[in-house]
């Protein structure tokens, strides 16, 4: 049975401190104004000037030849794998990757690839880890075609891949004749956190995408970048999957606004995440992972309360957090302020004290 999205408990007040995800952000009045001013056209027909501007800027930002605007990051991953691979190919990725955990089995259902998940710490692996799973090129083994990484690694705690490590694993893949793909859902968090330009961060990757609906605060859209030849073939899959968006300039304008106004401020989210982690460490029985960026994972087993119960108690106080892999995840973003962090720590402390 497929369940509908979760609803808050009966009687729960509106959420006032939303730490559930950075996808929960709302467009600001200034972003909405930019959307209303956007020049638009038929994006599928190729005459939406705002979409063209967004794709041109993204290609330049990532140091790639071309880009395509898509409705979601999941569609970016699906289209990238469909473009890089054929049915029966193997993709090497981390065992906690989004393509394995959070895309509804679409790669089994639609792309026909199998994904080999590497079991390594914090959502990251090394060049030696990749060398260790290289298969012999025989008719008995699936052809290995693609190496996939996440920057940042979500279930790995929002961890930032070091640039040297990113390049080393990409080099091993290219030596084998594989392509490389980066799930860049929170790529700008990594770039701001590490102080590295996007084009340098992704130089070793044949395709990369950026999600505008997470820390960048736009209501819709992600941009997939790569070579002109790759993006040309990706467009066919976009057509097949129904990803054309007609007068998409309205949404692309929000993404352009985000590029201009919402990147540098990601450092505030990282600071708030560290403040949240410091506060949570003062609560007896709570084990907290030090955040690299805007994701704070903490284990509450030592308190005697389970994740679902804490979520319910916090929802009744107007606070939302998520549960992931047996841990609690709290995500900071542009709608979460430093005073909200302080208040959230107090409410979490009170909720856990009941256990």
C-alpha atoms as a PDB file:
ATOM      1  CA  UNK A   1       0.000   0.000   0.000  1.00  0.00           C
ATOM      2  CA  UNK A   2       1.289   3.473  -0.887  1.00  0.00           C
ATOM      3  CA  UNK A   3       0.542   5.945   1.881  1.00  0.00           C
ATOM      4  CA  UNK A   4      -0.485   9.535   1.308  1.00  0.00           C
ATOM      5  CA  UNK A   5       1.809  12.260   2.663  1.00  0.00           C
ATOM      6  CA  UNK A   6       1.869  12.490   6.435  1.00  0.00           C
ATOM      7  CA  UNK A   7      -0.462  14.930   8.091  1.00  0.00           C
ATOM      8  CA  UNK A   8       0.100  16.611  11.448  1.00  0.00           C
ATOM      9  CA  UNK A   9      -1.577  15.082  14.508  1.00  0.00           C
ATOM     10  CA  UNK A  10      -5.155  16.172  15.187  1.00  0.00           C
ATOM     11  CA  UNK A  11      -5.154  19.465  17.015  1.00  0.00           C
ATOM     12  CA  UNK A  12      -1.599  20.388  16.067  1.00  0.00           C
ATOM     13  CA  UNK A  13      -1.049  24.134  15.556  1.00  0.00           C
ATOM     14  CA  UNK A  14       0.452  25.564  12.368  1.00  0.00           C
ATOM     15  CA  UNK A  15       4.185  25.007  12.040  1.00  0.00           C
ATOM     16  CA  UNK A  16       6.083  28.053  13.255  1.00  0.00           C
ATOM     17  CA  UNK A  17       9.643  26.643  13.314  1.00  0.00           C
ATOM     18  CA  UNK A  18      10.126  24.414  10.295  1.00  0.00           C
ATOM     19  CA  UNK A  19      13.276  22.316  10.591  1.00  0.00           C
ATOM     20  CA  UNK A  20      11.822  19.475   8.533  1.00  0.00           C
ATOM     21  CA  UNK A  21      13.699  20.306   5.334  1.00  0.00           C
ATOM     22  CA  UNK A  22      15.068  23.204   3.312  1.00  0.00           C
ATOM     23  CA  UNK A  23      12.426  22.234   0.744  1.00  0.00           C
ATOM     24  CA  UNK A  24       9.941  23.880   3.123  1.00  0.00           C
ATOM     25  CA  UNK A  25      11.121  27.407   2.319  1.00  0.00           C
ATOM     26  CA  UNK A  26       8.625  29.903   0.915  1.00  0.00           C
ATOM     27  CA  UNK A  27       9.461  32.436  -1.819  1.00  0.00           C
ATOM     28  CA  UNK A  28      10.046  35.878  -0.354  1.00  0.00           C
ATOM     29  CA  UNK A  29       8.056  38.917  -1.513  1.00  0.00           C
ATOM     30  CA  UNK A  30      11.090  40.080  -3.523  1.00  0.00           C
ATOM     31  CA  UNK A  31      11.373  36.697  -5.228  1.00  0.00           C
ATOM     32  CA  UNK A  32       7.653  36.742  -6.042  1.00  0.00           C
ATOM     33  CA  UNK A  33       8.045  40.206  -7.516  1.00  0.00           C
ATOM     34  CA  UNK A  34      10.866  38.959  -9.747  1.00  0.00           C
ATOM     35  CA  UNK A  35       8.611  36.114 -10.875  1.00  0.00           C
ATOM     36  CA  UNK A  36       5.807  38.497 -11.760  1.00  0.00           C
ATOM     37  CA  UNK A  37       8.162  40.617 -13.888  1.00  0.00           C
ATOM     38  CA  UNK A  38       9.561  37.655 -15.832  1.00  0.00           C
ATOM     39  CA  UNK A  39       9.491  37.578 -19.601  1.00  0.00           C
ATOM     40  CA  UNK A  40       8.026  34.246 -20.689  1.00  0.00           C
ATOM     41  CA  UNK A  41       7.515  32.106 -23.756  1.00  0.00           C
ATOM     42  CA  UNK A  42       6.956  28.449 -24.598  1.00  0.00           C
ATOM     43  CA  UNK A  43       9.900  26.710 -22.953  1.00  0.00           C
ATOM     44  CA  UNK A  44       9.386  23.506 -24.917  1.00  0.00           C
ATOM     45  CA  UNK A  45       9.408  25.464 -28.173  1.00  0.00           C
ATOM     46  CA  UNK A  46      12.635  27.192 -27.131  1.00  0.00           C
ATOM     47  CA  UNK A  47      11.396  30.768 -26.894  1.00  0.00           C
ATOM     48  CA  UNK A  48      11.302  31.497 -23.155  1.00  0.00           C
ATOM     49  CA  UNK A  49      14.048  34.117 -22.656  1.00  0.00           C
ATOM     50  CA  UNK A  50      14.129  33.780 -18.864  1.00  0.00           C
ATOM     51  CA  UNK A  51      14.714  30.043 -19.065  1.00  0.00           C
ATOM     52  CA  UNK A  52      17.502  30.644 -21.590  1.00  0.00           C
ATOM     53  CA  UNK A  53      19.122  33.156 -19.246  1.00  0.00           C
ATOM     54  CA  UNK A  54      18.956  30.716 -16.338  1.00  0.00           C
ATOM     55  CA  UNK A  55      20.435  27.841 -18.357  1.00  0.00           C
ATOM     56  CA  UNK A  56      23.215  30.043 -19.777  1.00  0.00           C
ATOM     57  CA  UNK A  57      24.140  31.296 -16.312  1.00  0.00           C
ATOM     58  CA  UNK A  58      24.098  27.816 -14.847  1.00  0.00           C
ATOM     59  CA  UNK A  59      26.272  26.362 -17.619  1.00  0.00           C
ATOM     60  CA  UNK A  60      28.812  29.142 -17.057  1.00  0.00           C
ATOM     61  CA  UNK A  61      28.654  28.756 -13.264  1.00  0.00           C
ATOM     62  CA  UNK A  62      29.346  25.024 -13.536  1.00  0.00           C
ATOM     63  CA  UNK A  63      31.938  25.350 -16.289  1.00  0.00           C
ATOM     64  CA  UNK A  64      29.862  23.225 -18.661  1.00  0.00           C
ATOM     65  CA  UNK A  65      28.765  23.781 -22.257  1.00  0.00           C
ATOM     66  CA  UNK A  66      24.987  23.601 -21.842  1.00  0.00           C
ATOM     67  CA  UNK A  67      22.129  23.175 -19.384  1.00  0.00           C
ATOM     68  CA  UNK A  68      18.451  22.229 -19.267  1.00  0.00           C
ATOM     69  CA  UNK A  69      15.789  23.419 -16.806  1.00  0.00           C
ATOM     70  CA  UNK A  70      13.764  20.621 -15.202  1.00  0.00           C
ATOM     71  CA  UNK A  71      10.913  20.482 -12.681  1.00  0.00           C
ATOM     72  CA  UNK A  72      12.831  18.614  -9.959  1.00  0.00           C
ATOM     73  CA  UNK A  73      16.156  17.224  -8.855  1.00  0.00           C
ATOM     74  CA  UNK A  74      14.831  13.677  -9.015  1.00  0.00           C
ATOM     75  CA  UNK A  75      14.040  14.202 -12.693  1.00  0.00           C
ATOM     76  CA  UNK A  76      17.611  15.471 -13.153  1.00  0.00           C
ATOM     77  CA  UNK A  77      18.981  12.228 -11.704  1.00  0.00           C
ATOM     78  CA  UNK A  78      16.617  10.059 -13.728  1.00  0.00           C
ATOM     79  CA  UNK A  79      17.347  11.854 -16.988  1.00  0.00           C
ATOM     80  CA  UNK A  80      21.095  11.894 -16.359  1.00  0.00           C
ATOM     81  CA  UNK A  81      21.184   8.138 -15.773  1.00  0.00           C
ATOM     82  CA  UNK A  82      18.939   7.474 -18.769  1.00  0.00           C
ATOM     83  CA  UNK A  83      21.306   9.576 -20.882  1.00  0.00           C
ATOM     84  CA  UNK A  84      24.565   8.106 -19.582  1.00  0.00           C
ATOM     85  CA  UNK A  85      23.434   4.465 -19.419  1.00  0.00           C
ATOM     86  CA  UNK A  86      21.461   1.763 -21.170  1.00  0.00           C
ATOM     87  CA  UNK A  87      19.400  -1.025 -19.622  1.00  0.00           C
ATOM     88  CA  UNK A  88      21.496  -3.574 -17.785  1.00  0.00           C
ATOM     89  CA  UNK A  89      24.335  -1.167 -17.030  1.00  0.00           C
ATOM     90  CA  UNK A  90      25.635  -0.674 -13.507  1.00  0.00           C
ATOM     91  CA  UNK A  91      25.939   2.611 -11.613  1.00  0.00           C
ATOM     92  CA  UNK A  92      28.410   2.830  -8.726  1.00  0.00           C
ATOM     93  CA  UNK A  93      27.150   5.087  -5.924  1.00  0.00           C
ATOM     94  CA  UNK A  94      26.961   5.225  -2.146  1.00  0.00           C
ATOM     95  CA  UNK A  95      24.549   2.888  -0.387  1.00  0.00           C
ATOM     96  CA  UNK A  96      22.779   5.911   1.181  1.00  0.00           C
ATOM     97  CA  UNK A  97      22.460   7.828  -2.083  1.00  0.00           C
ATOM     98  CA  UNK A  98      19.269   9.602  -3.081  1.00  0.00           C
ATOM     99  CA  UNK A  99      18.993   7.474  -6.228  1.00  0.00           C
ATOM    100  CA  UNK A 100      18.721   4.373  -4.013  1.00  0.00           C
ATOM    101  CA  UNK A 101      16.724   5.704  -1.075  1.00  0.00           C
ATOM    102  CA  UNK A 102      14.447   8.489  -2.219  1.00  0.00           C
ATOM    103  CA  UNK A 103      13.417   8.114  -5.852  1.00  0.00           C
ATOM    104  CA  UNK A 104      10.693   5.487  -5.553  1.00  0.00           C
ATOM    105  CA  UNK A 105      12.631   2.682  -7.225  1.00  0.00           C
ATOM    106  CA  UNK A 106      12.516   4.632 -10.472  1.00  0.00           C
ATOM    107  CA  UNK A 107      15.874   3.382 -11.701  1.00  0.00           C
ATOM    108  CA  UNK A 108      14.654  -0.205 -11.530  1.00  0.00           C
ATOM    109  CA  UNK A 109      11.310   0.791 -13.027  1.00  0.00           C
ATOM    110  CA  UNK A 110      12.425   3.204 -15.751  1.00  0.00           C
ATOM    111  CA  UNK A 111      16.165   3.316 -16.337  1.00  0.00           C
ATOM    112  CA  UNK A 112      16.793  -0.435 -16.150  1.00  0.00           C
ATOM    113  CA  UNK A 113      20.178  -0.003 -14.463  1.00  0.00           C
ATOM    114  CA  UNK A 114      21.384  -1.676 -11.312  1.00  0.00           C
ATOM    115  CA  UNK A 115      23.027   0.416  -8.607  1.00  0.00           C
ATOM    116  CA  UNK A 116      25.987  -0.899  -6.649  1.00  0.00           C
ATOM    117  CA  UNK A 117      25.951   0.811  -3.256  1.00  0.00           C
ATOM    118  CA  UNK A 118      29.290   1.329  -1.517  1.00  0.00           C
ATOM    119  CA  UNK A 119      29.226   0.853   2.266  1.00  0.00           C
ATOM    120  CA  UNK A 120      31.479   3.637   3.531  1.00  0.00           C
ATOM    121  CA  UNK A 121      31.217   6.350   6.228  1.00  0.00           C
ATOM    122  CA  UNK A 122      29.314   9.636   5.883  1.00  0.00           C
ATOM    123  CA  UNK A 123      28.038   9.083   2.359  1.00  0.00           C
ATOM    124  CA  UNK A 124      31.513   9.371   0.815  1.00  0.00           C
ATOM    125  CA  UNK A 125      34.012   6.900  -0.580  1.00  0.00           C
ATOM    126  CA  UNK A 126      37.618   6.884  -1.746  1.00  0.00           C
ATOM    127  CA  UNK A 127      39.441   6.077  -4.958  1.00  0.00           C
ATOM    128  CA  UNK A 128      40.482   2.752  -3.428  1.00  0.00           C
ATOM    129  CA  UNK A 129      36.836   1.997  -2.595  1.00  0.00           C
ATOM    130  CA  UNK A 130      35.970   2.497  -6.256  1.00  0.00           C
ATOM    131  CA  UNK A 131      38.903   0.385  -7.438  1.00  0.00           C
ATOM    132  CA  UNK A 132      37.679  -2.358  -5.123  1.00  0.00           C
ATOM    133  CA  UNK A 133      34.377  -2.761  -6.993  1.00  0.00           C
ATOM    134  CA  UNK A 134      35.665  -2.644 -10.575  1.00  0.00           C
ATOM    135  CA  UNK A 135      34.296  -5.696 -12.348  1.00  0.00           C
ATOM    136  CA  UNK A 136      36.085  -7.711 -15.017  1.00  0.00           C
ATOM    137  CA  UNK A 137      34.931  -6.850 -18.508  1.00  0.00           C
ATOM    138  CA  UNK A 138      33.289 -10.162 -19.345  1.00  0.00           C
ATOM    139  CA  UNK A 139      29.873 -11.165 -20.591  1.00  0.00           C
ATOM    140  CA  UNK A 140      29.048 -12.377 -17.071  1.00  0.00           C
ATOM    141  CA  UNK A 141      29.354  -8.960 -15.431  1.00  0.00           C
ATOM    142  CA  UNK A 142      27.117  -5.943 -15.931  1.00  0.00           C
ATOM    143  CA  UNK A 143      28.822  -3.144 -17.874  1.00  0.00           C
ATOM    144  CA  UNK A 144      29.836  -0.444 -15.418  1.00  0.00           C
ATOM    145  CA  UNK A 145      29.013   2.904 -17.014  1.00  0.00           C
ATOM    146  CA  UNK A 146      28.605   5.574 -14.362  1.00  0.00           C
ATOM    147  CA  UNK A 147      29.979   6.812 -11.041  1.00  0.00           C
ATOM    148  CA  UNK A 148      27.524   8.914  -9.023  1.00  0.00           C
ATOM    149  CA  UNK A 149      28.232  11.128  -5.999  1.00  0.00           C
ATOM    150  CA  UNK A 150      26.151  13.485  -3.825  1.00  0.00           C
ATOM    151  CA  UNK A 151      27.536  16.884  -2.849  1.00  0.00           C
ATOM    152  CA  UNK A 152      26.606  17.387  -0.027  1.00  0.00           C
ATOM    153  CA  UNK A 153      25.954  13.824   1.180  1.00  0.00           C
ATOM    154  CA  UNK A 154      22.463  14.039   2.701  1.00  0.00           C
ATOM    155  CA  UNK A 155      22.190  10.890   4.832  1.00  0.00           C
ATOM    156  CA  UNK A 156      25.916  11.248   5.455  1.00  0.00           C
ATOM    157  CA  UNK A 157      24.979  14.246   7.603  1.00  0.00           C
ATOM    158  CA  UNK A 158      25.162  16.992   4.993  1.00  0.00           C
ATOM    159  CA  UNK A 159      28.850  16.169   4.671  1.00  0.00           C
ATOM    160  CA  UNK A 160      31.057  18.057   2.221  1.00  0.00           C
ATOM    161  CA  UNK A 161      33.192  15.913  -0.059  1.00  0.00           C
ATOM    162  CA  UNK A 162      36.769  17.285  -0.065  1.00  0.00           C
ATOM    163  CA  UNK A 163      37.653  18.490  -3.554  1.00  0.00           C
ATOM    164  CA  UNK A 164      40.713  16.257  -3.839  1.00  0.00           C
ATOM    165  CA  UNK A 165      38.633  13.197  -2.964  1.00  0.00           C
ATOM    166  CA  UNK A 166      35.958  14.134  -5.512  1.00  0.00           C
ATOM    167  CA  UNK A 167      38.589  14.429  -8.202  1.00  0.00           C
ATOM    168  CA  UNK A 168      40.322  11.195  -7.222  1.00  0.00           C
ATOM    169  CA  UNK A 169      37.179   9.057  -7.486  1.00  0.00           C
ATOM    170  CA  UNK A 170      36.274  10.748 -10.780  1.00  0.00           C
ATOM    171  CA  UNK A 171      39.751   9.998 -12.134  1.00  0.00           C
ATOM    172  CA  UNK A 172      39.356   6.289 -11.354  1.00  0.00           C
ATOM    173  CA  UNK A 173      35.985   6.258 -13.111  1.00  0.00           C
ATOM    174  CA  UNK A 174      37.319   7.987 -16.197  1.00  0.00           C
ATOM    175  CA  UNK A 175      40.304   5.622 -16.317  1.00  0.00           C
ATOM    176  CA  UNK A 176      37.754   2.801 -16.624  1.00  0.00           C
ATOM    177  CA  UNK A 177      35.832   4.582 -19.373  1.00  0.00           C
ATOM    178  CA  UNK A 178      32.893   5.388 -17.089  1.00  0.00           C
ATOM    179  CA  UNK A 179      31.004   8.661 -17.054  1.00  0.00           C
ATOM    180  CA  UNK A 180      30.615  10.671 -13.846  1.00  0.00           C
ATOM    181  CA  UNK A 181      27.511  12.349 -12.432  1.00  0.00           C
ATOM    182  CA  UNK A 182      27.065  14.624  -9.428  1.00  0.00           C
ATOM    183  CA  UNK A 183      23.779  14.937  -7.560  1.00  0.00           C
ATOM    184  CA  UNK A 184      24.223  18.576  -6.571  1.00  0.00           C
ATOM    185  CA  UNK A 185      20.994  19.070  -4.657  1.00  0.00           C
ATOM    186  CA  UNK A 186      22.874  21.068  -2.004  1.00  0.00           C
ATOM    187  CA  UNK A 187      25.974  21.820  -4.060  1.00  0.00           C
ATOM    188  CA  UNK A 188      25.982  25.512  -3.148  1.00  0.00           C
ATOM    189  CA  UNK A 189      26.025  24.624   0.543  1.00  0.00           C
ATOM    190  CA  UNK A 190      29.204  22.652  -0.154  1.00  0.00           C
ATOM    191  CA  UNK A 191      30.757  25.467  -2.194  1.00  0.00           C
ATOM    192  CA  UNK A 192      30.005  28.088   0.468  1.00  0.00           C
ATOM    193  CA  UNK A 193      31.107  25.795   3.283  1.00  0.00           C
ATOM    194  CA  UNK A 194      34.384  24.867   1.583  1.00  0.00           C
ATOM    195  CA  UNK A 195      35.046  28.237  -0.074  1.00  0.00           C
ATOM    196  CA  UNK A 196      35.392  26.587  -3.502  1.00  0.00           C
ATOM    197  CA  UNK A 197      33.921  27.908  -6.762  1.00  0.00           C
ATOM    198  CA  UNK A 198      31.220  25.670  -8.281  1.00  0.00           C
ATOM    199  CA  UNK A 199      33.063  25.127 -11.570  1.00  0.00           C
ATOM    200  CA  UNK A 200      36.114  23.916  -9.636  1.00  0.00           C
ATOM    201  CA  UNK A 201      34.025  21.682  -7.390  1.00  0.00           C
ATOM    202  CA  UNK A 202      32.383  19.924 -10.362  1.00  0.00           C
ATOM    203  CA  UNK A 203      35.241  19.952 -12.885  1.00  0.00           C
ATOM    204  CA  UNK A 204      35.680  16.176 -12.739  1.00  0.00           C
ATOM    205  CA  UNK A 205      32.009  15.428 -13.425  1.00  0.00           C
ATOM    206  CA  UNK A 206      30.435  14.981 -16.845  1.00  0.00           C
ATOM    207  CA  UNK A 207      27.020  16.016 -15.567  1.00  0.00           C
ATOM    208  CA  UNK A 208      25.830  17.909 -12.519  1.00  0.00           C
ATOM    209  CA  UNK A 209      22.617  19.516 -11.338  1.00  0.00           C
ATOM    210  CA  UNK A 210      21.626  22.110  -8.787  1.00  0.00           C
ATOM    211  CA  UNK A 211      18.317  22.169  -6.926  1.00  0.00           C
ATOM    212  CA  UNK A 212      16.796  25.623  -6.450  1.00  0.00           C
ATOM    213  CA  UNK A 213      14.044  24.477  -4.079  1.00  0.00           C
ATOM    214  CA  UNK A 214      16.250  23.671  -1.097  1.00  0.00           C
ATOM    215  CA  UNK A 215      18.551  26.240   0.508  1.00  0.00           C
ATOM    216  CA  UNK A 216      18.156  28.637  -2.405  1.00  0.00           C
ATOM    217  CA  UNK A 217      14.477  29.133  -1.622  1.00  0.00           C
ATOM    218  CA  UNK A 218      12.802  28.918  -5.043  1.00  0.00           C
ATOM    219  CA  UNK A 219       9.401  27.222  -5.347  1.00  0.00           C
ATOM    220  CA  UNK A 220      10.239  24.935  -8.270  1.00  0.00           C
ATOM    221  CA  UNK A 221      13.019  23.680 -10.475  1.00  0.00           C
ATOM    222  CA  UNK A 222      16.502  22.284 -10.913  1.00  0.00           C
ATOM    223  CA  UNK A 223      19.068  22.711 -13.695  1.00  0.00           C
ATOM    224  CA  UNK A 224      21.070  19.844 -15.209  1.00  0.00           C
ATOM    225  CA  UNK A 225      24.396  20.775 -16.829  1.00  0.00           C
ATOM    226  CA  UNK A 226      26.819  18.963 -19.113  1.00  0.00           C
ATOM    227  CA  UNK A 227      28.238  18.944 -22.620  1.00  0.00           C
ATOM    228  CA  UNK A 228      26.144  20.149 -25.553  1.00  0.00           C
ATOM    229  CA  UNK A 229      25.915  16.580 -26.800  1.00  0.00           C
ATOM    230  CA  UNK A 230      24.815  15.265 -23.387  1.00  0.00           C
ATOM    231  CA  UNK A 231      22.190  17.974 -22.879  1.00  0.00           C
ATOM    232  CA  UNK A 232      20.906  17.420 -26.430  1.00  0.00           C
ATOM    233  CA  UNK A 233      20.255  13.779 -25.622  1.00  0.00           C
ATOM    234  CA  UNK A 234      18.873  14.687 -22.173  1.00  0.00           C
ATOM    235  CA  UNK A 235      16.244  16.871 -23.897  1.00  0.00           C
ATOM    236  CA  UNK A 236      14.794  13.789 -25.595  1.00  0.00           C
ATOM    237  CA  UNK A 237      14.338  12.151 -22.193  1.00  0.00           C
ATOM    238  CA  UNK A 238      12.843  15.358 -20.862  1.00  0.00           C
ATOM    239  CA  UNK A 239      10.305  15.171 -23.675  1.00  0.00           C
ATOM    240  CA  UNK A 240       9.582  11.491 -23.009  1.00  0.00           C
ATOM    241  CA  UNK A 241       9.070  12.051 -19.287  1.00  0.00           C
ATOM    242  CA  UNK A 242       6.808  15.069 -19.718  1.00  0.00           C
ATOM    243  CA  UNK A 243       9.284  17.524 -18.263  1.00  0.00           C
ATOM    244  CA  UNK A 244       8.563  20.487 -20.519  1.00  0.00           C
ATOM    245  CA  UNK A 245       7.025  23.372 -18.634  1.00  0.00           C
ATOM    246  CA  UNK A 246       5.669  25.886 -21.195  1.00  0.00           C
ATOM    247  CA  UNK A 247       5.810  29.436 -19.745  1.00  0.00           C
ATOM    248  CA  UNK A 248       8.459  28.331 -17.267  1.00  0.00           C
ATOM    249  CA  UNK A 249      10.130  31.737 -17.118  1.00  0.00           C
ATOM    250  CA  UNK A 250       7.929  32.577 -14.138  1.00  0.00           C
ATOM    251  CA  UNK A 251       9.681  29.854 -12.149  1.00  0.00           C
ATOM    252  CA  UNK A 252      13.082  30.369 -13.781  1.00  0.00           C
ATOM    253  CA  UNK A 253      12.970  33.989 -12.601  1.00  0.00           C
ATOM    254  CA  UNK A 254      12.818  32.730  -9.013  1.00  0.00           C
ATOM    255  CA  UNK A 255      15.943  30.663  -9.675  1.00  0.00           C
ATOM    256  CA  UNK A 256      17.754  33.672 -11.134  1.00  0.00           C
ATOM    257  CA  UNK A 257      16.764  35.698  -8.080  1.00  0.00           C
ATOM    258  CA  UNK A 258      18.164  32.910  -5.892  1.00  0.00           C
ATOM    259  CA  UNK A 259      21.497  32.974  -7.747  1.00  0.00           C
ATOM    260  CA  UNK A 260      21.749  36.711  -7.136  1.00  0.00           C
ATOM    261  CA  UNK A 261      20.588  36.849  -3.520  1.00  0.00           C
ATOM    262  CA  UNK A 262      20.534  33.482  -1.746  1.00  0.00           C
ATOM    263  CA  UNK A 263      23.953  31.883  -2.183  1.00  0.00           C
ATOM    264  CA  UNK A 264      26.260  33.846   0.130  1.00  0.00           C
ATOM    265  CA  UNK A 265      23.631  33.817   2.870  1.00  0.00           C
ATOM    266  CA  UNK A 266      23.873  29.997   3.090  1.00  0.00           C
ATOM    267  CA  UNK A 267      26.698  30.656   5.567  1.00  0.00           C
ATOM    268  CA  UNK A 268      24.006  31.876   8.001  1.00  0.00           C
ATOM    269  CA  UNK A 269      22.249  28.505   7.753  1.00  0.00           C
ATOM    270  CA  UNK A 270      25.520  26.724   8.482  1.00  0.00           C
ATOM    271  CA  UNK A 271      26.118  28.908  11.540  1.00  0.00           C
ATOM    272  CA  UNK A 272      22.576  28.221  12.780  1.00  0.00           C
ATOM    273  CA  UNK A 273      23.132  24.481  12.284  1.00  0.00           C
ATOM    274  CA  UNK A 274      26.264  24.589  14.417  1.00  0.00           C
ATOM    275  CA  UNK A 275      24.405  26.550  17.097  1.00  0.00           C
ATOM    276  CA  UNK A 276      21.631  23.950  17.045  1.00  0.00           C
ATOM    277  CA  UNK A 277      24.172  21.137  17.386  1.00  0.00           C
ATOM    278  CA  UNK A 278      25.804  22.895  20.361  1.00  0.00           C
ATOM    279  CA  UNK A 279      22.467  23.262  22.090  1.00  0.00           C
ATOM    280  CA  UNK A 280      21.395  19.683  21.461  1.00  0.00           C
ATOM    281  CA  UNK A 281      24.649  18.352  22.929  1.00  0.00           C
ATOM    282  CA  UNK A 282      23.634  19.822  26.269  1.00  0.00           C
ATOM    283  CA  UNK A 283      20.558  17.562  26.418  1.00  0.00           C
ATOM    284  CA  UNK A 284      21.182  14.303  28.342  1.00  0.00           C
ATOM    285  CA  UNK A 285      21.010  11.172  26.190  1.00  0.00           C
ATOM    286  CA  UNK A 286      21.304  13.010  22.849  1.00  0.00           C
ATOM    287  CA  UNK A 287      24.189  12.215  20.506  1.00  0.00           C
ATOM    288  CA  UNK A 288      24.794  14.826  17.817  1.00  0.00           C
ATOM    289  CA  UNK A 289      26.848  14.666  14.634  1.00  0.00           C
ATOM    290  CA  UNK A 290      28.836  17.854  14.017  1.00  0.00           C
ATOM    291  CA  UNK A 291      27.301  19.454  10.912  1.00  0.00           C
ATOM    292  CA  UNK A 292      29.388  20.495   7.911  1.00  0.00           C
ATOM    293  CA  UNK A 293      26.540  22.507   6.429  1.00  0.00           C
ATOM    294  CA  UNK A 294      22.828  22.951   7.184  1.00  0.00           C
ATOM    295  CA  UNK A 295      21.806  19.417   8.219  1.00  0.00           C
ATOM    296  CA  UNK A 296      21.914  18.366  11.871  1.00  0.00           C
ATOM    297  CA  UNK A 297      21.456  14.653  12.612  1.00  0.00           C
ATOM    298  CA  UNK A 298      21.021  13.519  16.205  1.00  0.00           C
ATOM    299  CA  UNK A 299      20.345  10.210  17.909  1.00  0.00           C
ATOM    300  CA  UNK A 300      17.861  10.146  20.802  1.00  0.00           C
ATOM    301  CA  UNK A 301      17.975   6.439  21.699  1.00  0.00           C
ATOM    302  CA  UNK A 302      19.709   7.335  24.942  1.00  0.00           C
ATOM    303  CA  UNK A 303      16.690   9.370  26.070  1.00  0.00           C
ATOM    304  CA  UNK A 304      14.228   6.481  25.923  1.00  0.00           C
ATOM    305  CA  UNK A 305      12.062   8.211  23.304  1.00  0.00           C
ATOM    306  CA  UNK A 306      11.743   7.161  19.678  1.00  0.00           C
ATOM    307  CA  UNK A 307      11.913   9.486  16.689  1.00  0.00           C
ATOM    308  CA  UNK A 308       8.219   9.331  15.773  1.00  0.00           C
ATOM    309  CA  UNK A 309       7.154  10.225  19.313  1.00  0.00           C
ATOM    310  CA  UNK A 310       9.490  13.218  19.411  1.00  0.00           C
ATOM    311  CA  UNK A 311       8.180  14.383  16.052  1.00  0.00           C
ATOM    312  CA  UNK A 312       4.616  14.177  17.346  1.00  0.00           C
ATOM    313  CA  UNK A 313       5.408  16.058  20.558  1.00  0.00           C
ATOM    314  CA  UNK A 314       7.189  18.804  18.632  1.00  0.00           C
ATOM    315  CA  UNK A 315       4.382  19.094  16.091  1.00  0.00           C
ATOM    316  CA  UNK A 316       1.993  19.808  18.950  1.00  0.00           C
ATOM    317  CA  UNK A 317       4.294  22.737  19.778  1.00  0.00           C
ATOM    318  CA  UNK A 318       4.449  23.991  16.186  1.00  0.00           C
ATOM    319  CA  UNK A 319       7.909  22.605  15.403  1.00  0.00           C
ATOM    320  CA  UNK A 320       8.716  20.218  12.538  1.00  0.00           C
ATOM    321  CA  UNK A 321      11.720  17.895  12.269  1.00  0.00           C
ATOM    322  CA  UNK A 322      12.246  14.819  10.111  1.00  0.00           C
ATOM    323  CA  UNK A 323      13.339  11.275  10.837  1.00  0.00           C
ATOM    324  CA  UNK A 324      15.911   9.576   8.637  1.00  0.00           C
ATOM    325  CA  UNK A 325      17.717   6.279   9.138  1.00  0.00           C
ATOM    326  CA  UNK A 326      16.702   5.982  12.778  1.00  0.00           C
ATOM    327  CA  UNK A 327      17.951   9.476  13.608  1.00  0.00           C
ATOM    328  CA  UNK A 328      16.311  12.873  13.868  1.00  0.00           C
ATOM    329  CA  UNK A 329      17.236  15.372  11.163  1.00  0.00           C
ATOM    330  CA  UNK A 330      16.877  19.109  11.605  1.00  0.00           C
ATOM    331  CA  UNK A 331      17.517  21.314   8.602  1.00  0.00           C
ATOM    332  CA  UNK A 332      18.310  25.034   8.771  1.00  0.00           C
ATOM    333  CA  UNK A 333      17.386  27.369   5.925  1.00  0.00           C
ATOM    334  CA  UNK A 334      16.409  30.939   5.076  1.00  0.00           C
ATOM    335  CA  UNK A 335      13.105  30.715   6.984  1.00  0.00           C
ATOM    336  CA  UNK A 336      14.860  29.723  10.227  1.00  0.00           C
ATOM    337  CA  UNK A 337      16.419  32.451  12.382  1.00  0.00           C
ATOM    338  CA  UNK A 338      18.914  32.276  15.255  1.00  0.00           C
ATOM    339  CA  UNK A 339      16.164  32.986  17.875  1.00  0.00           C
ATOM    340  CA  UNK A 340      14.154  30.110  16.392  1.00  0.00           C
ATOM    341  CA  UNK A 341      17.130  27.817  16.911  1.00  0.00           C
ATOM    342  CA  UNK A 342      17.322  28.769  20.582  1.00  0.00           C
ATOM    343  CA  UNK A 343      13.598  28.206  21.015  1.00  0.00           C
ATOM    344  CA  UNK A 344      13.719  24.852  19.192  1.00  0.00           C
ATOM    345  CA  UNK A 345      16.490  23.578  21.490  1.00  0.00           C
ATOM    346  CA  UNK A 346      14.353  24.451  24.500  1.00  0.00           C
ATOM    347  CA  UNK A 347      11.284  22.714  23.104  1.00  0.00           C
ATOM    348  CA  UNK A 348      13.305  19.593  22.203  1.00  0.00           C
ATOM    349  CA  UNK A 349      14.779  19.544  25.707  1.00  0.00           C
ATOM    350  CA  UNK A 350      11.281  19.769  27.244  1.00  0.00           C
ATOM    351  CA  UNK A 351       9.846  17.085  24.944  1.00  0.00           C
ATOM    352  CA  UNK A 352      12.677  14.647  25.692  1.00  0.00           C
ATOM    353  CA  UNK A 353      12.512  15.290  29.421  1.00  0.00           C
ATOM    354  CA  UNK A 354       9.091  13.605  29.402  1.00  0.00           C
ATOM    355  CA  UNK A 355      10.792  10.332  28.501  1.00  0.00           C
END
